Amino acid sequence: MSEILGYGRWPLITAGVGGSGFGGYKLAVSGKSPGGGGSEPFKWMGGGVAATLPAGSLITILNGIAS
């Protein structure tokens, strides 16, 4: 059971890393003018981190429930 749950964690981690990376890219190429995109890169990066952090503890929680 833990092997199956371990594989299910990887798409969540991949999505989180991808979102953080895309946010970093948008931050690097965003215009520095007042209307240049402002908080959008930080929304992407925050969403990526929010998806990645729980994935680390998700496998432990689900293993505890399954056993």
PDB file of N, CA and C in Angstrom:
ATOM      1  N   MET A   1       0.817  -1.191   0.000  1.00  0.00           N
ATOM      2  CA  MET A   1       0.000   0.000   0.000  1.00  0.00           C
ATOM      3  C   MET A   1       0.865   1.261   0.000  1.00  0.00           C
ATOM      4  N   SER A   2       1.933   1.251   0.783  1.00  0.00           N
ATOM      5  CA  SER A   2       2.774   2.449   0.851  1.00  0.00           C
ATOM      6  C   SER A   2       3.456   2.730  -0.483  1.00  0.00           C
ATOM      7  N   GLU A   3       3.727   1.669  -1.257  1.00  0.00           N
ATOM      8  CA  GLU A   3       4.353   1.877  -2.564  1.00  0.00           C
ATOM      9  C   GLU A   3       3.406   2.610  -3.505  1.00  0.00           C
ATOM     10  N   ILE A   4       2.138   2.237  -3.481  1.00  0.00           N
ATOM     11  CA  ILE A   4       1.138   2.899  -4.324  1.00  0.00           C
ATOM     12  C   ILE A   4       0.984   4.363  -3.912  1.00  0.00           C
ATOM     13  N   LEU A   5       0.917   4.619  -2.604  1.00  0.00           N
ATOM     14  CA  LEU A   5       0.774   5.987  -2.127  1.00  0.00           C
ATOM     15  C   LEU A   5       2.023   6.809  -2.425  1.00  0.00           C
ATOM     16  N   GLY A   6       3.177   6.157  -2.408  1.00  0.00           N
ATOM     17  CA  GLY A   6       4.420   6.852  -2.746  1.00  0.00           C
ATOM     18  C   GLY A   6       4.426   7.318  -4.190  1.00  0.00           C
ATOM     19  N   TYR A   7       3.916   6.480  -5.093  1.00  0.00           N
ATOM     20  CA  TYR A   7       3.835   6.876  -6.495  1.00  0.00           C
ATOM     21  C   TYR A   7       2.817   7.989  -6.692  1.00  0.00           C
ATOM     22  N   GLY A   8       1.753   8.001  -5.921  1.00  0.00           N
ATOM     23  CA  GLY A   8       0.739   9.049  -6.029  1.00  0.00           C
ATOM     24  C   GLY A   8       1.235  10.403  -5.564  1.00  0.00           C
ATOM     25  N   ARG A   9       2.283  10.410  -4.771  1.00  0.00           N
ATOM     26  CA  ARG A   9       2.838  11.659  -4.256  1.00  0.00           C
ATOM     27  C   ARG A   9       3.645  12.397  -5.313  1.00  0.00           C
ATOM     28  N   TRP A  10       4.260  11.682  -6.234  1.00  0.00           N
ATOM     29  CA  TRP A  10       5.154  12.320  -7.204  1.00  0.00           C
ATOM     30  C   TRP A  10       4.469  13.314  -8.134  1.00  0.00           C
ATOM     31  N   PRO A  11       3.260  13.064  -8.645  1.00  0.00           N
ATOM     32  CA  PRO A  11       2.618  14.099  -9.469  1.00  0.00           C
ATOM     33  C   PRO A  11       2.377  15.402  -8.700  1.00  0.00           C
ATOM     34  N   LEU A  12       2.056  15.289  -7.416  1.00  0.00           N
ATOM     35  CA  LEU A  12       1.841  16.478  -6.605  1.00  0.00           C
ATOM     36  C   LEU A  12       3.141  17.256  -6.424  1.00  0.00           C
ATOM     37  N   ILE A  13       4.229  16.552  -6.161  1.00  0.00           N
ATOM     38  CA  ILE A  13       5.532  17.208  -6.020  1.00  0.00           C
ATOM     39  C   ILE A  13       5.960  17.838  -7.341  1.00  0.00           C
ATOM     40  N   THR A  14       5.765  17.128  -8.449  1.00  0.00           N
ATOM     41  CA  THR A  14       6.139  17.650  -9.757  1.00  0.00           C
ATOM     42  C   THR A  14       5.349  18.909 -10.091  1.00  0.00           C
ATOM     43  N   ALA A  15       4.051  18.916  -9.795  1.00  0.00           N
ATOM     44  CA  ALA A  15       3.234  20.099 -10.044  1.00  0.00           C
ATOM     45  C   ALA A  15       3.690  21.268  -9.185  1.00  0.00           C
ATOM     46  N   GLY A  16       4.042  21.007  -7.945  1.00  0.00           N
ATOM     47  CA  GLY A  16       4.510  22.066  -7.065  1.00  0.00           C
ATOM     48  C   GLY A  16       5.817  22.676  -7.529  1.00  0.00           C
ATOM     49  N   VAL A  17       6.754  21.830  -7.915  1.00  0.00           N
ATOM     50  CA  VAL A  17       8.042  22.324  -8.407  1.00  0.00           C
ATOM     51  C   VAL A  17       7.848  23.080  -9.713  1.00  0.00           C
ATOM     52  N   GLY A  18       6.977  22.577 -10.569  1.00  0.00           N
ATOM     53  CA  GLY A  18       6.697  23.270 -11.835  1.00  0.00           C
ATOM     54  C   GLY A  18       6.064  24.634 -11.607  1.00  0.00           C
ATOM     55  N   GLY A  19       5.124  24.717 -10.668  1.00  0.00           N
ATOM     56  CA  GLY A  19       4.495  26.000 -10.367  1.00  0.00           C
ATOM     57  C   GLY A  19       5.476  26.994  -9.788  1.00  0.00           C
ATOM     58  N   SER A  20       6.342  26.522  -8.902  1.00  0.00           N
ATOM     59  CA  SER A  20       7.354  27.412  -8.327  1.00  0.00           C
ATOM     60  C   SER A  20       8.332  27.887  -9.400  1.00  0.00           C
ATOM     61  N   GLY A  21       8.739  26.987 -10.265  1.00  0.00           N
ATOM     62  CA  GLY A  21       9.657  27.354 -11.346  1.00  0.00           C
ATOM     63  C   GLY A  21       9.035  28.342 -12.318  1.00  0.00           C
ATOM     64  N   PHE A  22       7.761  28.139 -12.655  1.00  0.00           N
ATOM     65  CA  PHE A  22       7.078  29.052 -13.563  1.00  0.00           C
ATOM     66  C   PHE A  22       6.928  30.425 -12.916  1.00  0.00           C
ATOM     67  N   GLY A  23       6.649  30.447 -11.605  1.00  0.00           N
ATOM     68  CA  GLY A  23       6.572  31.726 -10.890  1.00  0.00           C
ATOM     69  C   GLY A  23       7.902  32.446 -10.890  1.00  0.00           C
ATOM     70  N   GLY A  24       8.989  31.712 -10.701  1.00  0.00           N
ATOM     71  CA  GLY A  24      10.317  32.312 -10.766  1.00  0.00           C
ATOM     72  C   GLY A  24      10.621  32.870 -12.148  1.00  0.00           C
ATOM     73  N   TYR A  25      10.216  32.146 -13.184  1.00  0.00           N
ATOM     74  CA  TYR A  25      10.398  32.617 -14.559  1.00  0.00           C
ATOM     75  C   TYR A  25       9.601  33.895 -14.799  1.00  0.00           C
ATOM     76  N   LYS A  26       8.331  33.901 -14.378  1.00  0.00           N
ATOM     77  CA  LYS A  26       7.499  35.092 -14.565  1.00  0.00           C
ATOM     78  C   LYS A  26       8.057  36.284 -13.799  1.00  0.00           C
ATOM     79  N   LEU A  27       8.630  36.029 -12.624  1.00  0.00           N
ATOM     80  CA  LEU A  27       9.234  37.104 -11.851  1.00  0.00           C
ATOM     81  C   LEU A  27      10.457  37.667 -12.577  1.00  0.00           C
ATOM     82  N   ALA A  28      11.222  36.797 -13.214  1.00  0.00           N
ATOM     83  CA  ALA A  28      12.428  37.229 -13.912  1.00  0.00           C
ATOM     84  C   ALA A  28      12.118  38.040 -15.161  1.00  0.00           C
ATOM     85  N   VAL A  29      11.037  37.708 -15.865  1.00  0.00           N
ATOM     86  CA  VAL A  29      10.738  38.391 -17.119  1.00  0.00           C
ATOM     87  C   VAL A  29       9.651  39.443 -16.987  1.00  0.00           C
ATOM     88  N   SER A  30       9.097  39.628 -15.795  1.00  0.00           N
ATOM     89  CA  SER A  30       8.017  40.600 -15.635  1.00  0.00           C
ATOM     90  C   SER A  30       8.551  42.014 -15.788  1.00  0.00           C
ATOM     91  N   GLY A  31       7.680  42.875 -16.271  1.00  0.00           N
ATOM     92  CA  GLY A  31       8.041  44.285 -16.395  1.00  0.00           C
ATOM     93  C   GLY A  31       8.122  44.930 -15.024  1.00  0.00           C
ATOM     94  N   LYS A  32       8.975  45.875 -14.892  1.00  0.00           N
ATOM     95  CA  LYS A  32       9.163  46.525 -13.599  1.00  0.00           C
ATOM     96  C   LYS A  32       8.299  47.782 -13.452  1.00  0.00           C
ATOM     97  N   SER A  33       7.430  48.032 -14.411  1.00  0.00           N
ATOM     98  CA  SER A  33       6.540  49.187 -14.323  1.00  0.00           C
ATOM     99  C   SER A  33       5.433  48.902 -13.308  1.00  0.00           C
ATOM    100  N   PRO A  34       4.708  49.936 -12.874  1.00  0.00           N
ATOM    101  CA  PRO A  34       3.652  49.717 -11.873  1.00  0.00           C
ATOM    102  C   PRO A  34       2.587  48.711 -12.316  1.00  0.00           C
ATOM    103  N   GLY A  35       2.297  48.644 -13.593  1.00  0.00           N
ATOM    104  CA  GLY A  35       1.300  47.691 -14.075  1.00  0.00           C
ATOM    105  C   GLY A  35       1.933  46.461 -14.679  1.00  0.00           C
ATOM    106  N   GLY A  36       3.119  46.096 -14.277  1.00  0.00           N
ATOM    107  CA  GLY A  36       3.879  45.042 -14.929  1.00  0.00           C
ATOM    108  C   GLY A  36       3.646  43.638 -14.430  1.00  0.00           C
ATOM    109  N   GLY A  37       2.575  43.338 -13.776  1.00  0.00           N
ATOM    110  CA  GLY A  37       2.306  41.970 -13.373  1.00  0.00           C
ATOM    111  C   GLY A  37       2.328  41.779 -11.875  1.00  0.00           C
ATOM    112  N   GLY A  38       2.927  42.675 -11.164  1.00  0.00           N
ATOM    113  CA  GLY A  38       2.884  42.729  -9.712  1.00  0.00           C
ATOM    114  C   GLY A  38       2.984  41.420  -8.970  1.00  0.00           C
ATOM    115  N   SER A  39       1.873  40.923  -8.445  1.00  0.00           N
ATOM    116  CA  SER A  39       1.898  39.773  -7.541  1.00  0.00           C
ATOM    117  C   SER A  39       1.680  38.439  -8.235  1.00  0.00           C
ATOM    118  N   GLU A  40       1.445  38.446  -9.546  1.00  0.00           N
ATOM    119  CA  GLU A  40       1.163  37.176 -10.231  1.00  0.00           C
ATOM    120  C   GLU A  40       2.291  36.148 -10.077  1.00  0.00           C
ATOM    121  N   PRO A  41       3.568  36.512 -10.244  1.00  0.00           N
ATOM    122  CA  PRO A  41       4.624  35.503 -10.041  1.00  0.00           C
ATOM    123  C   PRO A  41       4.614  34.914  -8.635  1.00  0.00           C
ATOM    124  N   PHE A  42       4.311  35.747  -7.646  1.00  0.00           N
ATOM    125  CA  PHE A  42       4.298  35.261  -6.272  1.00  0.00           C
ATOM    126  C   PHE A  42       3.123  34.325  -6.020  1.00  0.00           C
ATOM    127  N   LYS A  43       2.024  34.522  -6.747  1.00  0.00           N
ATOM    128  CA  LYS A  43       0.895  33.591  -6.647  1.00  0.00           C
ATOM    129  C   LYS A  43       1.293  32.217  -7.170  1.00  0.00           C
ATOM    130  N   TRP A  44       2.010  32.186  -8.293  1.00  0.00           N
ATOM    131  CA  TRP A  44       2.470  30.914  -8.856  1.00  0.00           C
ATOM    132  C   TRP A  44       3.451  30.228  -7.911  1.00  0.00           C
ATOM    133  N   MET A  45       4.389  31.002  -7.389  1.00  0.00           N
ATOM    134  CA  MET A  45       5.406  30.415  -6.511  1.00  0.00           C
ATOM    135  C   MET A  45       4.775  29.946  -5.209  1.00  0.00           C
ATOM    136  N   GLY A  46       3.853  30.715  -4.660  1.00  0.00           N
ATOM    137  CA  GLY A  46       3.167  30.318  -3.433  1.00  0.00           C
ATOM    138  C   GLY A  46       2.332  29.068  -3.638  1.00  0.00           C
ATOM    139  N   GLY A  47       1.665  28.986  -4.780  1.00  0.00           N
ATOM    140  CA  GLY A  47       0.888  27.783  -5.085  1.00  0.00           C
ATOM    141  C   GLY A  47       1.769  26.563  -5.233  1.00  0.00           C
ATOM    142  N   GLY A  48       2.933  26.750  -5.848  1.00  0.00           N
ATOM    143  CA  GLY A  48       3.871  25.637  -5.995  1.00  0.00           C
ATOM    144  C   GLY A  48       4.390  25.148  -4.661  1.00  0.00           C
ATOM    145  N   VAL A  49       4.732  26.072  -3.785  1.00  0.00           N
ATOM    146  CA  VAL A  49       5.213  25.690  -2.456  1.00  0.00           C
ATOM    147  C   VAL A  49       4.093  25.037  -1.658  1.00  0.00           C
ATOM    148  N   ALA A  50       2.880  25.589  -1.791  1.00  0.00           N
ATOM    149  CA  ALA A  50       1.733  25.023  -1.069  1.00  0.00           C
ATOM    150  C   ALA A  50       1.415  23.610  -1.536  1.00  0.00           C
ATOM    151  N   ALA A  51       1.722  23.271  -2.771  1.00  0.00           N
ATOM    152  CA  ALA A  51       1.490  21.908  -3.261  1.00  0.00           C
ATOM    153  C   ALA A  51       2.628  20.971  -2.861  1.00  0.00           C
ATOM    154  N   THR A  52       3.838  21.481  -2.771  1.00  0.00           N
ATOM    155  CA  THR A  52       4.997  20.641  -2.491  1.00  0.00           C
ATOM    156  C   THR A  52       5.121  20.272  -1.013  1.00  0.00           C
ATOM    157  N   LEU A  53       4.909  21.218  -0.122  1.00  0.00           N
ATOM    158  CA  LEU A  53       5.106  20.955   1.308  1.00  0.00           C
ATOM    159  C   LEU A  53       4.199  19.859   1.866  1.00  0.00           C
ATOM    160  N   PRO A  54       2.903  19.871   1.589  1.00  0.00           N
ATOM    161  CA  PRO A  54       2.065  18.801   2.141  1.00  0.00           C
ATOM    162  C   PRO A  54       2.377  17.430   1.554  1.00  0.00           C
ATOM    163  N   ALA A  55       2.954  17.385   0.349  1.00  0.00           N
ATOM    164  CA  ALA A  55       3.256  16.100  -0.271  1.00  0.00           C
ATOM    165  C   ALA A  55       4.256  15.321   0.560  1.00  0.00           C
ATOM    166  N   GLY A  56       5.146  16.016   1.256  1.00  0.00           N
ATOM    167  CA  GLY A  56       6.123  15.336   2.090  1.00  0.00           C
ATOM    168  C   GLY A  56       5.491  14.605   3.259  1.00  0.00           C
ATOM    169  N   SER A  57       4.475  15.191   3.857  1.00  0.00           N
ATOM    170  CA  SER A  57       3.828  14.552   5.010  1.00  0.00           C
ATOM    171  C   SER A  57       2.626  13.710   4.612  1.00  0.00           C
ATOM    172  N   LEU A  58       2.159  13.858   3.386  1.00  0.00           N
ATOM    173  CA  LEU A  58       0.979  13.118   2.945  1.00  0.00           C
ATOM    174  C   LEU A  58       1.200  11.613   3.006  1.00  0.00           C
ATOM    175  N   ILE A  59       2.355  11.141   2.589  1.00  0.00           N
ATOM    176  CA  ILE A  59       2.622   9.707   2.593  1.00  0.00           C
ATOM    177  C   ILE A  59       2.615   9.163   4.005  1.00  0.00           C
ATOM    178  N   THR A  60       3.126   9.915   4.961  1.00  0.00           N
ATOM    179  CA  THR A  60       3.142   9.470   6.354  1.00  0.00           C
ATOM    180  C   THR A  60       1.726   9.384   6.920  1.00  0.00           C
ATOM    181  N   ILE A  61       0.929  10.384   6.626  1.00  0.00           N
ATOM    182  CA  ILE A  61      -0.461  10.391   7.118  1.00  0.00           C
ATOM    183  C   ILE A  61      -1.244   9.233   6.527  1.00  0.00           C
ATOM    184  N   LEU A  62      -1.129   9.032   5.226  1.00  0.00           N
ATOM    185  CA  LEU A  62      -1.886   7.954   4.580  1.00  0.00           C
ATOM    186  C   LEU A  62      -1.413   6.583   5.005  1.00  0.00           C
ATOM    187  N   ASN A  63      -0.113   6.428   5.266  1.00  0.00           N
ATOM    188  CA  ASN A  63       0.384   5.146   5.784  1.00  0.00           C
ATOM    189  C   ASN A  63      -0.170   4.871   7.176  1.00  0.00           C
ATOM    190  N   GLY A  64      -0.284   5.926   7.990  1.00  0.00           N
ATOM    191  CA  GLY A  64      -0.849   5.757   9.328  1.00  0.00           C
ATOM    192  C   GLY A  64      -2.306   5.337   9.290  1.00  0.00           C
ATOM    193  N   ILE A  65      -3.049   5.876   8.340  1.00  0.00           N
ATOM    194  CA  ILE A  65      -4.463   5.510   8.182  1.00  0.00           C
ATOM    195  C   ILE A  65      -4.594   4.091   7.653  1.00  0.00           C
ATOM    196  N   ALA A  66      -3.727   3.745   6.687  1.00  0.00           N
ATOM    197  CA  ALA A  66      -3.834   2.434   6.045  1.00  0.00           C
ATOM    198  C   ALA A  66      -3.411   1.290   6.953  1.00  0.00           C
ATOM    199  N   SER A  67      -2.559   1.550   7.923  1.00  0.00           N
ATOM    200  CA  SER A  67      -2.067   0.444   8.761  1.00  0.00           C
ATOM    201  C   SER A  67      -2.820   0.298  10.047  1.00  0.00           C
TER     202      SER A  67
END
